[in-house]
PDB file of N, CA and C in Angstrom:
ATOM      1  N   UNK A   1       0.810  -1.178   0.000  1.00  0.00           N
ATOM      2  CA  UNK A   1       0.000   0.000   0.000  1.00  0.00           C
ATOM      3  C   UNK A   1       0.862   1.254   0.000  1.00  0.00           C
ATOM      4  N   UNK A   2       1.921   1.194   0.717  1.00  0.00           N
ATOM      5  CA  UNK A   2       2.784   2.363   0.810  1.00  0.00           C
ATOM      6  C   UNK A   2       3.437   2.672  -0.532  1.00  0.00           C
ATOM      7  N   UNK A   3       3.809   1.630  -1.272  1.00  0.00           N
ATOM      8  CA  UNK A   3       4.439   1.830  -2.576  1.00  0.00           C
ATOM      9  C   UNK A   3       3.506   2.602  -3.511  1.00  0.00           C
ATOM     10  N   UNK A   4       2.235   2.238  -3.511  1.00  0.00           N
ATOM     11  CA  UNK A   4       1.270   2.914  -4.378  1.00  0.00           C
ATOM     12  C   UNK A   4       1.133   4.377  -4.032  1.00  0.00           C
ATOM     13  N   UNK A   5       1.165   4.699  -2.748  1.00  0.00           N
ATOM     14  CA  UNK A   5       1.041   6.098  -2.316  1.00  0.00           C
ATOM     15  C   UNK A   5       2.256   6.906  -2.761  1.00  0.00           C
ATOM     16  N   UNK A   6       3.439   6.333  -2.626  1.00  0.00           N
ATOM     17  CA  UNK A   6       4.655   7.039  -3.051  1.00  0.00           C
ATOM     18  C   UNK A   6       4.630   7.281  -4.553  1.00  0.00           C
ATOM     19  N   UNK A   7       4.157   6.298  -5.285  1.00  0.00           N
ATOM     20  CA  UNK A   7       4.089   6.441  -6.735  1.00  0.00           C
ATOM     21  C   UNK A   7       3.113   7.553  -7.110  1.00  0.00           C
ATOM     22  N   UNK A   8       1.996   7.630  -6.403  1.00  0.00           N
ATOM     23  CA  UNK A   8       1.009   8.674  -6.671  1.00  0.00           C
ATOM     24  C   UNK A   8       1.581  10.053  -6.361  1.00  0.00           C
ATOM     25  N   UNK A   9       2.318  10.162  -5.281  1.00  0.00           N
ATOM     26  CA  UNK A   9       2.928  11.440  -4.913  1.00  0.00           C
ATOM     27  C   UNK A   9       3.945  11.849  -5.976  1.00  0.00           C
ATOM     28  N   UNK A  10       4.734  10.888  -6.460  1.00  0.00           N
ATOM     29  CA  UNK A  10       5.717  11.195  -7.504  1.00  0.00           C
ATOM     30  C   UNK A  10       5.032  11.687  -8.770  1.00  0.00           C
ATOM     31  N   UNK A  11       3.918  11.081  -9.136  1.00  0.00           N
ATOM     32  CA  UNK A  11       3.187  11.519 -10.322  1.00  0.00           C
ATOM     33  C   UNK A  11       2.658  12.934 -10.134  1.00  0.00           C
ATOM     34  N   UNK A  12       2.133  13.217  -8.943  1.00  0.00           N
ATOM     35  CA  UNK A  12       1.606  14.552  -8.677  1.00  0.00           C
ATOM     36  C   UNK A  12       2.719  15.586  -8.733  1.00  0.00           C
ATOM     37  N   UNK A  13       3.892  15.261  -8.199  1.00  0.00           N
ATOM     38  CA  UNK A  13       5.014  16.198  -8.238  1.00  0.00           C
ATOM     39  C   UNK A  13       5.436  16.453  -9.676  1.00  0.00           C
ATOM     40  N   UNK A  14       5.443  15.406 -10.495  1.00  0.00           N
ATOM     41  CA  UNK A  14       5.818  15.555 -11.894  1.00  0.00           C
ATOM     42  C   UNK A  14       4.813  16.451 -12.607  1.00  0.00           C
ATOM     43  N   UNK A  15       3.528  16.231 -12.351  1.00  0.00           N
ATOM     44  CA  UNK A  15       2.508  17.049 -12.994  1.00  0.00           C
ATOM     45  C   UNK A  15       2.595  18.503 -12.546  1.00  0.00           C
ATOM     46  N   UNK A  16       2.863  18.721 -11.276  1.00  0.00           N
ATOM     47  CA  UNK A  16       2.945  20.086 -10.767  1.00  0.00           C
ATOM     48  C   UNK A  16       4.190  20.801 -11.268  1.00  0.00           C
ATOM     49  N   UNK A  17       5.290  20.092 -11.424  1.00  0.00           N
ATOM     50  CA  UNK A  17       6.526  20.734 -11.840  1.00  0.00           C
ATOM     51  C   UNK A  17       6.544  21.021 -13.337  1.00  0.00           C
ATOM     52  N   UNK A  18       5.793  20.270 -14.104  1.00  0.00           N
ATOM     53  CA  UNK A  18       5.778  20.442 -15.550  1.00  0.00           C
ATOM     54  C   UNK A  18       4.361  20.738 -16.013  1.00  0.00           C
ATOM     55  N   UNK A  19       4.085  21.965 -16.337  1.00  0.00           N
ATOM     56  CA  UNK A  19       2.749  22.363 -16.760  1.00  0.00           C
ATOM     57  C   UNK A  19       2.584  22.285 -18.279  1.00  0.00           C
ATOM     58  N   UNK A  20       3.671  22.067 -19.006  1.00  0.00           N
ATOM     59  CA  UNK A  20       3.601  22.008 -20.459  1.00  0.00           C
ATOM     60  C   UNK A  20       3.171  20.617 -20.907  1.00  0.00           C
ATOM     61  N   UNK A  21       2.415  20.569 -21.987  1.00  0.00           N
ATOM     62  CA  UNK A  21       1.968  19.313 -22.563  1.00  0.00           C
ATOM     63  C   UNK A  21       2.552  19.234 -23.967  1.00  0.00           C
ATOM     64  N   UNK A  22       3.215  18.127 -24.246  1.00  0.00           N
ATOM     65  CA  UNK A  22       3.805  17.948 -25.571  1.00  0.00           C
ATOM     66  C   UNK A  22       2.737  17.391 -26.503  1.00  0.00           C
ATOM     67  N   UNK A  23       2.320  18.194 -27.451  1.00  0.00           N
ATOM     68  CA  UNK A  23       1.265  17.807 -28.375  1.00  0.00           C
ATOM     69  C   UNK A  23       1.682  16.615 -29.222  1.00  0.00           C
ATOM     70  N   UNK A  24       2.951  16.530 -29.589  1.00  0.00           N
ATOM     71  CA  UNK A  24       3.424  15.409 -30.396  1.00  0.00           C
ATOM     72  C   UNK A  24       3.275  14.082 -29.649  1.00  0.00           C
ATOM     73  N   UNK A  25       3.547  14.092 -28.351  1.00  0.00           N
ATOM     74  CA  UNK A  25       3.373  12.872 -27.555  1.00  0.00           C
ATOM     75  C   UNK A  25       1.904  12.461 -27.510  1.00  0.00           C
ATOM     76  N   UNK A  26       1.033  13.436 -27.331  1.00  0.00           N
ATOM     77  CA  UNK A  26      -0.395  13.133 -27.289  1.00  0.00           C
ATOM     78  C   UNK A  26      -0.878  12.578 -28.625  1.00  0.00           C
ATOM     79  N   UNK A  27      -0.443  13.188 -29.713  1.00  0.00           N
ATOM     80  CA  UNK A  27      -0.847  12.718 -31.043  1.00  0.00           C
ATOM     81  C   UNK A  27      -0.317  11.314 -31.309  1.00  0.00           C
ATOM     82  N   UNK A  28       0.912  11.034 -30.866  1.00  0.00           N
ATOM     83  CA  UNK A  28       1.489   9.711 -31.042  1.00  0.00           C
ATOM     84  C   UNK A  28       0.683   8.665 -30.260  1.00  0.00           C
ATOM     85  N   UNK A  29       0.275   9.018 -29.054  1.00  0.00           N
ATOM     86  CA  UNK A  29      -0.525   8.099 -28.252  1.00  0.00           C
ATOM     87  C   UNK A  29      -1.870   7.827 -28.915  1.00  0.00           C
ATOM     88  N   UNK A  30      -2.488   8.861 -29.474  1.00  0.00           N
ATOM     89  CA  UNK A  30      -3.770   8.691 -30.159  1.00  0.00           C
ATOM     90  C   UNK A  30      -3.600   7.788 -31.367  1.00  0.00           C
ATOM     91  N   UNK A  31      -2.554   8.012 -32.146  1.00  0.00           N
ATOM     92  CA  UNK A  31      -2.312   7.174 -33.323  1.00  0.00           C
ATOM     93  C   UNK A  31      -2.054   5.728 -32.926  1.00  0.00           C
ATOM     94  N   UNK A  32      -1.291   5.524 -31.858  1.00  0.00           N
ATOM     95  CA  UNK A  32      -1.021   4.167 -31.390  1.00  0.00           C
ATOM     96  C   UNK A  32      -2.301   3.465 -30.944  1.00  0.00           C
ATOM     97  N   UNK A  33      -3.161   4.194 -30.249  1.00  0.00           N
ATOM     98  CA  UNK A  33      -4.434   3.613 -29.819  1.00  0.00           C
ATOM     99  C   UNK A  33      -5.317   3.275 -31.014  1.00  0.00           C
ATOM    100  N   UNK A  34      -5.315   4.133 -32.032  1.00  0.00           N
ATOM    101  CA  UNK A  34      -6.100   3.865 -33.232  1.00  0.00           C
ATOM    102  C   UNK A  34      -5.574   2.626 -33.952  1.00  0.00           C
ATOM    103  N   UNK A  35      -4.257   2.493 -34.035  1.00  0.00           N
ATOM    104  CA  UNK A  35      -3.668   1.318 -34.671  1.00  0.00           C
ATOM    105  C   UNK A  35      -4.054   0.052 -33.929  1.00  0.00           C
ATOM    106  N   UNK A  36      -3.984   0.096 -32.596  1.00  0.00           N
ATOM    107  CA  UNK A  36      -4.356  -1.072 -31.799  1.00  0.00           C
ATOM    108  C   UNK A  36      -5.822  -1.415 -32.002  1.00  0.00           C
ATOM    109  N   UNK A  37      -6.656  -0.388 -32.058  1.00  0.00           N
ATOM    110  CA  UNK A  37      -8.088  -0.601 -32.248  1.00  0.00           C
ATOM    111  C   UNK A  37      -8.364  -1.226 -33.612  1.00  0.00           C
ATOM    112  N   UNK A  38      -7.724  -0.710 -34.641  1.00  0.00           N
ATOM    113  CA  UNK A  38      -7.910  -1.255 -35.988  1.00  0.00           C
ATOM    114  C   UNK A  38      -7.409  -2.692 -36.063  1.00  0.00           C
ATOM    115  N   UNK A  39      -6.257  -2.949 -35.466  1.00  0.00           N
ATOM    116  CA  UNK A  39      -5.683  -4.287 -35.474  1.00  0.00           C
ATOM    117  C   UNK A  39      -6.613  -5.267 -34.769  1.00  0.00           C
ATOM    118  N   UNK A  40      -7.168  -4.848 -33.644  1.00  0.00           N
ATOM    119  CA  UNK A  40      -8.080  -5.706 -32.899  1.00  0.00           C
ATOM    120  C   UNK A  40      -9.332  -5.998 -33.711  1.00  0.00           C
ATOM    121  N   UNK A  41      -9.866  -4.980 -34.366  1.00  0.00           N
ATOM    122  CA  UNK A  41     -11.068  -5.198 -35.166  1.00  0.00           C
ATOM    123  C   UNK A  41     -10.786  -6.094 -36.360  1.00  0.00           C
ATOM    124  N   UNK A  42      -9.611  -5.990 -36.950  1.00  0.00           N
ATOM    125  CA  UNK A  42      -9.254  -6.866 -38.067  1.00  0.00           C
ATOM    126  C   UNK A  42      -9.143  -8.309 -37.580  1.00  0.00           C
ATOM    127  N   UNK A  43      -8.514  -8.512 -36.419  1.00  0.00           N
ATOM    128  CA  UNK A  43      -8.389  -9.862 -35.873  1.00  0.00           C
ATOM    129  C   UNK A  43      -9.760 -10.459 -35.562  1.00  0.00           C
ATOM    130  N   UNK A  44     -10.642  -9.665 -34.972  1.00  0.00           N
ATOM    131  CA  UNK A  44     -11.972 -10.163 -34.650  1.00  0.00           C
ATOM    132  C   UNK A  44     -12.768 -10.479 -35.917  1.00  0.00           C
ATOM    133  N   UNK A  45     -12.635  -9.642 -36.917  1.00  0.00           N
ATOM    134  CA  UNK A  45     -13.330  -9.886 -38.179  1.00  0.00           C
ATOM    135  C   UNK A  45     -12.810 -11.152 -38.841  1.00  0.00           C
ATOM    136  N   UNK A  46     -11.501 -11.319 -38.844  1.00  0.00           N
ATOM    137  CA  UNK A  46     -10.912 -12.520 -39.444  1.00  0.00           C
ATOM    138  C   UNK A  46     -11.348 -13.773 -38.687  1.00  0.00           C
ATOM    139  N   UNK A  47     -11.406 -13.688 -37.374  1.00  0.00           N
ATOM    140  CA  UNK A  47     -11.844 -14.838 -36.581  1.00  0.00           C
ATOM    141  C   UNK A  47     -13.310 -15.165 -36.863  1.00  0.00           C
ATOM    142  N   UNK A  48     -14.148 -14.154 -36.981  1.00  0.00           N
ATOM    143  CA  UNK A  48     -15.567 -14.376 -37.257  1.00  0.00           C
ATOM    144  C   UNK A  48     -15.760 -14.984 -38.648  1.00  0.00           C
ATOM    145  N   UNK A  49     -15.058 -14.472 -39.628  1.00  0.00           N
ATOM    146  CA  UNK A  49     -15.165 -15.008 -40.994  1.00  0.00           C
ATOM    147  C   UNK A  49     -14.665 -16.443 -41.040  1.00  0.00           C
ATOM    148  N   UNK A  50     -13.559 -16.704 -40.356  1.00  0.00           N
ATOM    149  CA  UNK A  50     -13.020 -18.066 -40.320  1.00  0.00           C
ATOM    150  C   UNK A  50     -13.994 -19.024 -39.654  1.00  0.00           C
ATOM    151  N   UNK A  51     -14.578 -18.603 -38.548  1.00  0.00           N
ATOM    152  CA  UNK A  51     -15.544 -19.452 -37.855  1.00  0.00           C
ATOM    153  C   UNK A  51     -16.756 -19.710 -38.737  1.00  0.00           C
ATOM    154  N   UNK A  52     -17.214 -18.690 -39.430  1.00  0.00           N
ATOM    155  CA  UNK A  52     -18.349 -18.840 -40.332  1.00  0.00           C
ATOM    156  C   UNK A  52     -18.010 -19.802 -41.473  1.00  0.00           C
ATOM    157  N   UNK A  53     -16.801 -19.688 -42.029  1.00  0.00           N
ATOM    158  CA  UNK A  53     -16.379 -20.567 -43.116  1.00  0.00           C
ATOM    159  C   UNK A  53     -16.281 -22.009 -42.630  1.00  0.00           C
ATOM    160  N   UNK A  54     -15.696 -22.219 -41.485  1.00  0.00           N
ATOM    161  CA  UNK A  54     -15.575 -23.589 -40.943  1.00  0.00           C
ATOM    162  C   UNK A  54     -16.955 -24.165 -40.670  1.00  0.00           C
ATOM    163  N   UNK A  55     -17.839 -23.373 -40.101  1.00  0.00           N
ATOM    164  CA  UNK A  55     -19.210 -23.825 -39.834  1.00  0.00           C
ATOM    165  C   UNK A  55     -19.908 -24.192 -41.150  1.00  0.00           C
ATOM    166  N   UNK A  56     -19.727 -23.378 -42.177  1.00  0.00           N
ATOM    167  CA  UNK A  56     -20.322 -23.661 -43.473  1.00  0.00           C
ATOM    168  C   UNK A  56     -19.766 -24.934 -44.090  1.00  0.00           C
ATOM    169  N   UNK A  57     -18.465 -25.147 -43.969  1.00  0.00           N
ATOM    170  CA  UNK A  57     -17.844 -26.365 -44.498  1.00  0.00           C
ATOM    171  C   UNK A  57     -18.371 -27.596 -43.764  1.00  0.00           C
ATOM    172  N   UNK A  58     -18.506 -27.484 -42.470  1.00  0.00           N
ATOM    173  CA  UNK A  58     -19.012 -28.615 -41.674  1.00  0.00           C
ATOM    174  C   UNK A  58     -20.456 -28.924 -42.068  1.00  0.00           C
ATOM    175  N   UNK A  59     -21.253 -27.913 -42.333  1.00  0.00           N
ATOM    176  CA  UNK A  59     -22.636 -28.148 -42.734  1.00  0.00           C
ATOM    177  C   UNK A  59     -22.744 -28.811 -44.104  1.00  0.00           C
ATOM    178  N   UNK A  60     -21.810 -28.543 -44.978  1.00  0.00           N
ATOM    179  CA  UNK A  60     -21.873 -29.115 -46.328  1.00  0.00           C
ATOM    180  C   UNK A  60     -21.412 -30.572 -46.354  1.00  0.00           C
ATOM    181  N   UNK A  61     -20.742 -31.015 -45.329  1.00  0.00           N
ATOM    182  CA  UNK A  61     -20.265 -32.405 -45.313  1.00  0.00           C
ATOM    183  C   UNK A  61     -21.329 -33.358 -44.960  1.00  0.00           C
TER     184      UNK A  61
END
């Protein structure tokens, strides 16, 4: 429990000491999240199509 409190205090000190926000870092984080989201949706779509194809093949046998 104590470790978590120290970590929170360190974060607060960092935020208080640095009031500037780097827009490039924020944009990079947004792009990374979008890439992860797209990748996840592609994987889910591929899994759904594959499952549908396998189900269809099994029904035709």
